[in-house]
Amino acid sequence: MNADLLPFFVAGFGLLALFTLLLRRLGRKQRKPRIILDGSNIMHWDNDEPKLSTIAAAVISLKEKGYLVGVFFDANAGYLLCERYMHDQEFGLALGLPETQIMVVPKGQPADPYLIRAAQDQESRIVTNDKFRDWRDTFPGFDFADGLVRGRFREGRVEFIDL
């Protein structure tokens, strides 16, 4: 090989490596931001009546905004909505989400610590109007000021105040 061409060869190889790296980065699927819904709280946003449609509206709106949505429920949520127990799979079907994105907490346990722990572990926010005052000492590492997204149901739509 001609020594005069060596710098061009090295530069060309470097550009090829850079181009390959760029293609790999562009080809990677963007990770969606995660958000967790307090289903037992959101279901009361429409005139303080428990409605699955209110939660569904929140799920649809957040998915349209590009979020990966998870929903947590107290064990009695099904009774409040349908007068019977509902498990993860039933809520998932009703909300158009896979069962893996729904959690009905065990009977007798509040959903709040599950919500906060999941948000802390996944570095996500919680959609709720609950302030979780009883849990602030238990979860000192969670940023309650920025980690909670308030919302409301108005004129047939869900609105997020802090999102």
N, C-alpha and C. Protein backbone atom coordinates (compact mmCIF):
# COMPACT_ATOMS: atom_id res chain seq x y z
N MET A 1 0.84 -1.17 0.00
CA MET A 1 0.00 0.00 0.00
C MET A 1 0.89 1.23 0.00
N ASN A 2 0.48 2.23 -0.75
CA ASN A 2 1.22 3.46 -0.85
C ASN A 2 1.09 4.24 0.45
N ALA A 3 2.21 4.66 1.02
CA ALA A 3 2.23 5.37 2.30
C ALA A 3 1.50 6.70 2.21
N ASP A 4 1.43 7.29 1.02
CA ASP A 4 0.73 8.57 0.85
C ASP A 4 -0.78 8.41 1.03
N LEU A 5 -1.32 7.20 0.77
CA LEU A 5 -2.75 6.96 0.87
C LEU A 5 -3.20 6.52 2.27
N LEU A 6 -2.25 6.21 3.12
CA LEU A 6 -2.57 5.71 4.45
C LEU A 6 -3.46 6.67 5.26
N PRO A 7 -3.19 7.98 5.29
CA PRO A 7 -4.07 8.87 6.06
C PRO A 7 -5.52 8.85 5.54
N PHE A 8 -5.70 8.75 4.23
CA PHE A 8 -7.05 8.70 3.66
C PHE A 8 -7.76 7.39 4.04
N PHE A 9 -7.01 6.31 4.05
CA PHE A 9 -7.56 5.02 4.43
C PHE A 9 -8.02 5.05 5.89
N VAL A 10 -7.18 5.57 6.77
CA VAL A 10 -7.51 5.65 8.20
C VAL A 10 -8.70 6.56 8.41
N ALA A 11 -8.72 7.71 7.73
CA ALA A 11 -9.84 8.64 7.86
C ALA A 11 -11.13 8.00 7.35
N GLY A 12 -11.05 7.30 6.23
CA GLY A 12 -12.22 6.62 5.67
C GLY A 12 -12.75 5.56 6.61
N PHE A 13 -11.84 4.79 7.21
CA PHE A 13 -12.25 3.76 8.17
C PHE A 13 -12.91 4.39 9.39
N GLY A 14 -12.39 5.51 9.88
CA GLY A 14 -12.97 6.22 11.02
C GLY A 14 -14.36 6.73 10.70
N LEU A 15 -14.54 7.27 9.49
CA LEU A 15 -15.87 7.75 9.09
C LEU A 15 -16.87 6.61 8.98
N LEU A 16 -16.42 5.47 8.47
CA LEU A 16 -17.29 4.31 8.37
C LEU A 16 -17.73 3.84 9.76
N ALA A 17 -16.79 3.83 10.70
CA ALA A 17 -17.12 3.43 12.07
C ALA A 17 -18.11 4.41 12.69
N LEU A 18 -17.91 5.70 12.46
CA LEU A 18 -18.82 6.73 12.97
C LEU A 18 -20.22 6.59 12.37
N PHE A 19 -20.26 6.34 11.07
CA PHE A 19 -21.53 6.17 10.37
C PHE A 19 -22.28 4.95 10.90
N THR A 20 -21.57 3.86 11.11
CA THR A 20 -22.18 2.64 11.65
C THR A 20 -22.75 2.89 13.04
N LEU A 21 -22.01 3.59 13.88
CA LEU A 21 -22.48 3.93 15.23
C LEU A 21 -23.74 4.79 15.16
N LEU A 22 -23.75 5.77 14.25
CA LEU A 22 -24.92 6.63 14.08
C LEU A 22 -26.14 5.82 13.66
N LEU A 23 -25.97 4.91 12.72
CA LEU A 23 -27.08 4.08 12.27
C LEU A 23 -27.62 3.21 13.40
N ARG A 24 -26.74 2.69 14.22
CA ARG A 24 -27.18 1.88 15.35
C ARG A 24 -28.01 2.70 16.32
N ARG A 25 -27.55 3.91 16.60
CA ARG A 25 -28.29 4.77 17.53
C ARG A 25 -29.64 5.16 16.96
N LEU A 26 -29.70 5.47 15.68
CA LEU A 26 -30.96 5.84 15.06
C LEU A 26 -31.90 4.64 14.99
N GLY A 27 -31.35 3.47 14.83
CA GLY A 27 -32.15 2.26 14.71
C GLY A 27 -32.73 1.78 16.03
N ARG A 28 -32.15 2.21 17.14
CA ARG A 28 -32.67 1.79 18.44
C ARG A 28 -34.05 2.39 18.66
N LYS A 29 -34.89 1.60 19.23
CA LYS A 29 -36.23 2.07 19.54
C LYS A 29 -36.15 3.05 20.71
N GLN A 30 -36.79 4.19 20.56
CA GLN A 30 -36.82 5.17 21.64
C GLN A 30 -37.56 4.58 22.83
N ARG A 31 -37.02 4.75 24.00
CA ARG A 31 -37.68 4.27 25.22
C ARG A 31 -38.75 5.28 25.61
N LYS A 32 -39.96 4.79 25.76
CA LYS A 32 -41.06 5.66 26.14
C LYS A 32 -40.94 6.02 27.61
N PRO A 33 -41.29 7.27 27.94
CA PRO A 33 -41.31 7.61 29.37
C PRO A 33 -42.45 6.86 30.05
N ARG A 34 -42.21 6.47 31.29
CA ARG A 34 -43.21 5.71 32.04
C ARG A 34 -43.99 6.64 32.95
N ILE A 35 -45.25 6.29 33.15
CA ILE A 35 -46.08 7.03 34.09
C ILE A 35 -47.03 6.04 34.75
N ILE A 36 -47.30 6.26 36.03
CA ILE A 36 -48.12 5.34 36.80
C ILE A 36 -49.41 6.05 37.20
N LEU A 37 -50.51 5.38 37.02
CA LEU A 37 -51.81 5.94 37.37
C LEU A 37 -52.33 5.32 38.66
N ASP A 38 -52.83 6.18 39.53
CA ASP A 38 -53.51 5.75 40.75
C ASP A 38 -54.97 5.54 40.36
N GLY A 39 -55.27 4.35 39.85
CA GLY A 39 -56.60 4.04 39.33
C GLY A 39 -57.70 4.25 40.36
N SER A 40 -57.42 3.93 41.61
CA SER A 40 -58.43 4.07 42.66
C SER A 40 -58.73 5.54 42.96
N ASN A 41 -57.82 6.43 42.62
CA ASN A 41 -58.06 7.86 42.78
C ASN A 41 -58.72 8.44 41.53
N ILE A 42 -58.17 8.11 40.36
CA ILE A 42 -58.66 8.68 39.10
C ILE A 42 -60.10 8.30 38.82
N MET A 43 -60.52 7.11 39.22
CA MET A 43 -61.89 6.68 38.92
C MET A 43 -62.95 7.59 39.55
N HIS A 44 -62.56 8.43 40.51
CA HIS A 44 -63.50 9.35 41.18
C HIS A 44 -63.45 10.77 40.62
N TRP A 45 -62.66 11.05 39.60
CA TRP A 45 -62.49 12.40 39.10
C TRP A 45 -63.75 12.97 38.44
N ASP A 46 -64.62 12.15 37.93
CA ASP A 46 -65.84 12.63 37.26
C ASP A 46 -66.99 12.66 38.26
N ASN A 47 -67.25 13.82 38.83
CA ASN A 47 -68.34 14.04 39.80
C ASN A 47 -68.24 13.14 41.03
N ASP A 48 -67.03 12.76 41.39
CA ASP A 48 -66.78 11.94 42.58
C ASP A 48 -67.51 10.59 42.55
N GLU A 49 -67.82 10.11 41.34
CA GLU A 49 -68.45 8.80 41.15
C GLU A 49 -67.42 7.85 40.54
N PRO A 50 -67.29 6.64 41.08
CA PRO A 50 -66.31 5.72 40.49
C PRO A 50 -66.72 5.28 39.09
N LYS A 51 -65.86 5.58 38.11
CA LYS A 51 -66.14 5.23 36.71
C LYS A 51 -64.88 4.70 36.05
N LEU A 52 -65.00 3.55 35.43
CA LEU A 52 -63.88 2.98 34.68
C LEU A 52 -63.56 3.85 33.46
N SER A 53 -64.58 4.49 32.91
CA SER A 53 -64.38 5.33 31.72
C SER A 53 -63.44 6.50 32.00
N THR A 54 -63.41 6.99 33.21
CA THR A 54 -62.51 8.09 33.56
C THR A 54 -61.06 7.61 33.50
N ILE A 55 -60.82 6.42 34.02
CA ILE A 55 -59.46 5.85 33.97
C ILE A 55 -59.07 5.57 32.52
N ALA A 56 -60.01 5.02 31.76
CA ALA A 56 -59.75 4.72 30.34
C ALA A 56 -59.39 5.99 29.59
N ALA A 57 -60.08 7.09 29.86
CA ALA A 57 -59.78 8.36 29.20
C ALA A 57 -58.37 8.83 29.55
N ALA A 58 -57.97 8.64 30.81
CA ALA A 58 -56.62 9.02 31.23
C ALA A 58 -55.57 8.15 30.53
N VAL A 59 -55.83 6.85 30.45
CA VAL A 59 -54.91 5.93 29.77
C VAL A 59 -54.74 6.32 28.31
N ILE A 60 -55.83 6.55 27.63
CA ILE A 60 -55.78 6.91 26.20
C ILE A 60 -55.01 8.21 26.00
N SER A 61 -55.31 9.21 26.80
CA SER A 61 -54.65 10.50 26.67
C SER A 61 -53.14 10.38 26.89
N LEU A 62 -52.73 9.65 27.90
CA LEU A 62 -51.31 9.51 28.19
C LEU A 62 -50.59 8.68 27.13
N LYS A 63 -51.26 7.64 26.63
CA LYS A 63 -50.65 6.85 25.55
C LYS A 63 -50.47 7.71 24.30
N GLU A 64 -51.43 8.58 24.02
CA GLU A 64 -51.31 9.49 22.87
C GLU A 64 -50.15 10.46 23.05
N LYS A 65 -49.83 10.79 24.29
CA LYS A 65 -48.72 11.69 24.58
C LYS A 65 -47.38 10.94 24.57
N GLY A 66 -47.41 9.63 24.34
CA GLY A 66 -46.19 8.84 24.22
C GLY A 66 -45.74 8.14 25.48
N TYR A 67 -46.57 8.07 26.49
CA TYR A 67 -46.20 7.42 27.75
C TYR A 67 -46.51 5.93 27.73
N LEU A 68 -45.68 5.19 28.44
CA LEU A 68 -45.95 3.79 28.76
C LEU A 68 -46.67 3.83 30.10
N VAL A 69 -47.91 3.37 30.13
CA VAL A 69 -48.79 3.55 31.27
C VAL A 69 -48.91 2.28 32.11
N GLY A 70 -48.83 2.44 33.42
CA GLY A 70 -49.13 1.38 34.37
C GLY A 70 -50.22 1.88 35.30
N VAL A 71 -51.11 0.99 35.71
CA VAL A 71 -52.23 1.40 36.57
C VAL A 71 -52.27 0.51 37.81
N PHE A 72 -52.37 1.13 38.98
CA PHE A 72 -52.49 0.43 40.24
C PHE A 72 -53.88 0.65 40.83
N PHE A 73 -54.42 -0.40 41.45
CA PHE A 73 -55.73 -0.34 42.07
C PHE A 73 -55.69 -0.93 43.47
N ASP A 74 -56.51 -0.38 44.37
CA ASP A 74 -56.78 -1.04 45.64
C ASP A 74 -57.61 -2.28 45.32
N ALA A 75 -57.58 -3.27 46.20
CA ALA A 75 -58.30 -4.53 45.96
C ALA A 75 -59.81 -4.34 45.82
N ASN A 76 -60.36 -3.29 46.44
CA ASN A 76 -61.81 -3.08 46.39
C ASN A 76 -62.28 -2.30 45.16
N ALA A 77 -61.39 -1.94 44.27
CA ALA A 77 -61.75 -1.12 43.10
C ALA A 77 -62.83 -1.79 42.24
N GLY A 78 -62.71 -3.08 42.01
CA GLY A 78 -63.72 -3.80 41.23
C GLY A 78 -65.09 -3.73 41.85
N TYR A 79 -65.14 -3.83 43.17
CA TYR A 79 -66.43 -3.74 43.87
C TYR A 79 -67.05 -2.35 43.70
N LEU A 80 -66.22 -1.33 43.75
CA LEU A 80 -66.72 0.03 43.58
C LEU A 80 -67.21 0.28 42.16
N LEU A 81 -66.55 -0.34 41.20
CA LEU A 81 -66.88 -0.12 39.79
C LEU A 81 -67.95 -1.07 39.27
N CYS A 82 -67.87 -2.35 39.66
CA CYS A 82 -68.73 -3.38 39.05
C CYS A 82 -69.42 -4.28 40.08
N GLU A 83 -69.29 -3.93 41.36
CA GLU A 83 -69.89 -4.72 42.44
C GLU A 83 -69.36 -6.15 42.52
N ARG A 84 -68.09 -6.34 42.08
CA ARG A 84 -67.43 -7.64 42.20
C ARG A 84 -65.93 -7.41 42.12
N TYR A 85 -65.18 -8.41 42.57
CA TYR A 85 -63.72 -8.32 42.49
C TYR A 85 -63.28 -8.36 41.04
N MET A 86 -62.32 -7.53 40.69
CA MET A 86 -61.70 -7.57 39.36
C MET A 86 -60.20 -7.75 39.55
N HIS A 87 -59.60 -8.63 38.76
CA HIS A 87 -58.16 -8.87 38.86
C HIS A 87 -57.44 -8.12 37.74
N ASP A 88 -56.13 -8.24 37.73
CA ASP A 88 -55.28 -7.52 36.78
C ASP A 88 -55.73 -7.71 35.33
N GLN A 89 -55.97 -8.95 34.96
CA GLN A 89 -56.32 -9.25 33.57
C GLN A 89 -57.63 -8.57 33.17
N GLU A 90 -58.63 -8.58 34.04
CA GLU A 90 -59.92 -7.94 33.72
C GLU A 90 -59.76 -6.44 33.54
N PHE A 91 -59.01 -5.82 34.44
CA PHE A 91 -58.76 -4.39 34.30
C PHE A 91 -57.98 -4.10 33.02
N GLY A 92 -57.01 -4.94 32.72
CA GLY A 92 -56.24 -4.76 31.49
C GLY A 92 -57.11 -4.82 30.26
N LEU A 93 -58.00 -5.80 30.20
CA LEU A 93 -58.91 -5.91 29.06
C LEU A 93 -59.81 -4.69 28.97
N ALA A 94 -60.32 -4.23 30.10
CA ALA A 94 -61.23 -3.08 30.11
C ALA A 94 -60.53 -1.78 29.71
N LEU A 95 -59.23 -1.69 30.00
CA LEU A 95 -58.50 -0.46 29.73
C LEU A 95 -57.61 -0.53 28.49
N GLY A 96 -57.60 -1.68 27.83
CA GLY A 96 -56.78 -1.82 26.64
C GLY A 96 -55.29 -1.88 26.94
N LEU A 97 -54.95 -2.44 28.08
CA LEU A 97 -53.55 -2.57 28.48
C LEU A 97 -53.24 -4.03 28.76
N PRO A 98 -51.99 -4.43 28.56
CA PRO A 98 -51.63 -5.80 28.94
C PRO A 98 -51.68 -5.97 30.46
N GLU A 99 -51.96 -7.16 30.86
CA GLU A 99 -52.06 -7.51 32.28
C GLU A 99 -50.80 -7.10 33.05
N THR A 100 -49.66 -7.11 32.38
CA THR A 100 -48.39 -6.77 33.03
C THR A 100 -48.30 -5.28 33.39
N GLN A 101 -49.20 -4.47 32.88
CA GLN A 101 -49.19 -3.04 33.18
C GLN A 101 -50.28 -2.64 34.18
N ILE A 102 -50.89 -3.66 34.80
CA ILE A 102 -51.95 -3.45 35.79
C ILE A 102 -51.55 -4.15 37.07
N MET A 103 -51.86 -3.53 38.20
CA MET A 103 -51.66 -4.22 39.47
C MET A 103 -52.81 -3.91 40.41
N VAL A 104 -53.50 -4.96 40.81
CA VAL A 104 -54.48 -4.87 41.89
C VAL A 104 -53.76 -5.38 43.12
N VAL A 105 -53.62 -4.51 44.11
CA VAL A 105 -52.83 -4.89 45.29
C VAL A 105 -53.61 -5.90 46.13
N PRO A 106 -52.92 -6.67 46.95
CA PRO A 106 -53.59 -7.67 47.79
C PRO A 106 -54.61 -7.04 48.73
N LYS A 107 -55.66 -7.80 49.00
CA LYS A 107 -56.73 -7.37 49.89
C LYS A 107 -56.16 -6.94 51.24
N GLY A 108 -56.68 -5.85 51.77
CA GLY A 108 -56.26 -5.37 53.07
C GLY A 108 -55.02 -4.49 53.05
N GLN A 109 -54.42 -4.28 51.87
CA GLN A 109 -53.23 -3.45 51.77
C GLN A 109 -53.53 -2.23 50.89
N PRO A 110 -53.07 -1.06 51.29
CA PRO A 110 -53.28 0.12 50.45
C PRO A 110 -52.38 0.09 49.22
N ALA A 111 -52.86 0.65 48.14
CA ALA A 111 -52.06 0.70 46.91
C ALA A 111 -50.95 1.74 47.00
N ASP A 112 -51.10 2.72 47.88
CA ASP A 112 -50.15 3.84 47.93
C ASP A 112 -48.68 3.42 47.99
N PRO A 113 -48.26 2.55 48.92
CA PRO A 113 -46.84 2.22 48.94
C PRO A 113 -46.38 1.48 47.69
N TYR A 114 -47.26 0.70 47.08
CA TYR A 114 -46.91 0.02 45.83
C TYR A 114 -46.68 1.05 44.71
N LEU A 115 -47.57 2.03 44.64
CA LEU A 115 -47.46 3.09 43.64
C LEU A 115 -46.14 3.85 43.79
N ILE A 116 -45.89 4.29 45.01
CA ILE A 116 -44.70 5.11 45.26
C ILE A 116 -43.43 4.32 45.00
N ARG A 117 -43.39 3.08 45.47
CA ARG A 117 -42.19 2.25 45.26
C ARG A 117 -41.95 2.02 43.77
N ALA A 118 -43.01 1.73 43.02
CA ALA A 118 -42.87 1.51 41.58
C ALA A 118 -42.39 2.78 40.89
N ALA A 119 -42.94 3.92 41.26
CA ALA A 119 -42.52 5.18 40.65
C ALA A 119 -41.07 5.48 40.98
N GLN A 120 -40.68 5.20 42.21
CA GLN A 120 -39.30 5.42 42.62
C GLN A 120 -38.36 4.49 41.85
N ASP A 121 -38.71 3.22 41.76
CA ASP A 121 -37.86 2.24 41.07
C ASP A 121 -37.75 2.52 39.57
N GLN A 122 -38.84 2.99 38.96
CA GLN A 122 -38.87 3.21 37.51
C GLN A 122 -38.57 4.66 37.12
N GLU A 123 -38.30 5.48 38.13
CA GLU A 123 -38.04 6.90 37.90
C GLU A 123 -39.17 7.51 37.07
N SER A 124 -40.39 7.28 37.53
CA SER A 124 -41.55 7.81 36.83
C SER A 124 -42.40 8.65 37.78
N ARG A 125 -43.42 9.25 37.24
CA ARG A 125 -44.33 10.08 38.02
C ARG A 125 -45.64 9.33 38.24
N ILE A 126 -46.43 9.83 39.20
CA ILE A 126 -47.71 9.22 39.54
C ILE A 126 -48.82 10.21 39.23
N VAL A 127 -49.82 9.78 38.47
CA VAL A 127 -50.98 10.60 38.20
C VAL A 127 -52.00 10.32 39.30
N THR A 128 -52.29 11.33 40.12
CA THR A 128 -53.19 11.20 41.26
C THR A 128 -53.49 12.58 41.83
N ASN A 129 -54.56 12.69 42.56
CA ASN A 129 -54.81 13.90 43.34
C ASN A 129 -54.52 13.67 44.82
N ASP A 130 -54.04 12.49 45.14
CA ASP A 130 -53.63 12.15 46.50
C ASP A 130 -52.27 12.80 46.75
N LYS A 131 -52.06 13.32 47.93
CA LYS A 131 -50.78 13.95 48.27
C LYS A 131 -49.85 13.00 49.01
N PHE A 132 -50.35 11.83 49.39
CA PHE A 132 -49.56 10.79 50.06
C PHE A 132 -48.85 11.30 51.31
N ARG A 133 -49.50 12.13 52.07
CA ARG A 133 -48.89 12.69 53.28
C ARG A 133 -48.47 11.61 54.27
N ASP A 134 -49.25 10.53 54.36
CA ASP A 134 -48.94 9.45 55.31
C ASP A 134 -47.71 8.65 54.92
N TRP A 135 -47.22 8.81 53.70
CA TRP A 135 -46.14 7.97 53.19
C TRP A 135 -44.83 8.72 52.98
N ARG A 136 -44.80 9.99 53.25
CA ARG A 136 -43.60 10.79 52.97
C ARG A 136 -42.40 10.36 53.80
N ASP A 137 -42.62 10.01 55.05
CA ASP A 137 -41.51 9.55 55.89
C ASP A 137 -41.02 8.16 55.48
N THR A 138 -41.92 7.34 54.96
CA THR A 138 -41.57 5.98 54.54
C THR A 138 -40.74 5.99 53.26
N PHE A 139 -40.96 7.00 52.41
CA PHE A 139 -40.27 7.08 51.11
C PHE A 139 -39.53 8.42 50.99
N PRO A 140 -38.48 8.62 51.78
CA PRO A 140 -37.78 9.92 51.72
C PRO A 140 -37.05 10.15 50.40
N GLY A 141 -36.79 9.09 49.64
CA GLY A 141 -36.08 9.23 48.38
C GLY A 141 -36.97 9.62 47.20
N PHE A 142 -38.28 9.62 47.39
CA PHE A 142 -39.19 9.98 46.30
C PHE A 142 -39.47 11.48 46.36
N ASP A 143 -39.38 12.13 45.21
CA ASP A 143 -39.61 13.57 45.11
C ASP A 143 -41.11 13.83 44.96
N PHE A 144 -41.80 14.02 46.08
CA PHE A 144 -43.25 14.22 46.05
C PHE A 144 -43.63 15.54 45.37
N ALA A 145 -42.77 16.53 45.43
CA ALA A 145 -43.07 17.82 44.82
C ALA A 145 -43.16 17.71 43.29
N ASP A 146 -42.26 16.96 42.70
CA ASP A 146 -42.24 16.82 41.24
C ASP A 146 -42.82 15.49 40.76
N GLY A 147 -42.93 14.52 41.65
CA GLY A 147 -43.31 13.17 41.25
C GLY A 147 -44.80 12.93 41.09
N LEU A 148 -45.63 13.90 41.50
CA LEU A 148 -47.08 13.72 41.42
C LEU A 148 -47.67 14.63 40.36
N VAL A 149 -48.54 14.04 39.54
CA VAL A 149 -49.24 14.78 38.49
C VAL A 149 -50.71 14.84 38.87
N ARG A 150 -51.21 16.04 39.08
CA ARG A 150 -52.63 16.20 39.41
C ARG A 150 -53.45 16.24 38.13
N GLY A 151 -54.73 15.99 38.28
CA GLY A 151 -55.60 16.03 37.12
C GLY A 151 -57.04 16.23 37.50
N ARG A 152 -57.89 16.29 36.48
CA ARG A 152 -59.33 16.44 36.69
C ARG A 152 -60.06 15.98 35.44
N PHE A 153 -61.34 15.79 35.61
CA PHE A 153 -62.21 15.41 34.49
C PHE A 153 -63.15 16.59 34.28
N ARG A 154 -63.07 17.19 33.10
CA ARG A 154 -63.87 18.38 32.82
C ARG A 154 -64.36 18.37 31.38
N GLU A 155 -65.65 18.61 31.22
CA GLU A 155 -66.26 18.68 29.89
C GLU A 155 -65.98 17.43 29.06
N GLY A 156 -66.08 16.27 29.72
CA GLY A 156 -65.92 15.00 29.03
C GLY A 156 -64.49 14.59 28.73
N ARG A 157 -63.50 15.32 29.30
CA ARG A 157 -62.09 15.01 29.04
C ARG A 157 -61.29 15.00 30.32
N VAL A 158 -60.23 14.24 30.28
CA VAL A 158 -59.28 14.26 31.39
C VAL A 158 -58.25 15.32 31.09
N GLU A 159 -57.95 16.13 32.11
CA GLU A 159 -56.93 17.17 31.98
C GLU A 159 -55.86 16.92 33.03
N PHE A 160 -54.61 17.07 32.63
CA PHE A 160 -53.50 16.89 33.55
C PHE A 160 -52.93 18.27 33.86
N ILE A 161 -52.86 18.59 35.12
CA ILE A 161 -52.48 19.94 35.54
C ILE A 161 -50.96 20.13 35.58
N ASP A 162 -50.24 19.14 36.04
CA ASP A 162 -48.81 19.27 36.24
C ASP A 162 -47.96 18.47 35.27
N LEU A 163 -48.50 18.18 34.11
CA LEU A 163 -47.76 17.33 33.17
C LEU A 163 -47.16 18.16 32.06
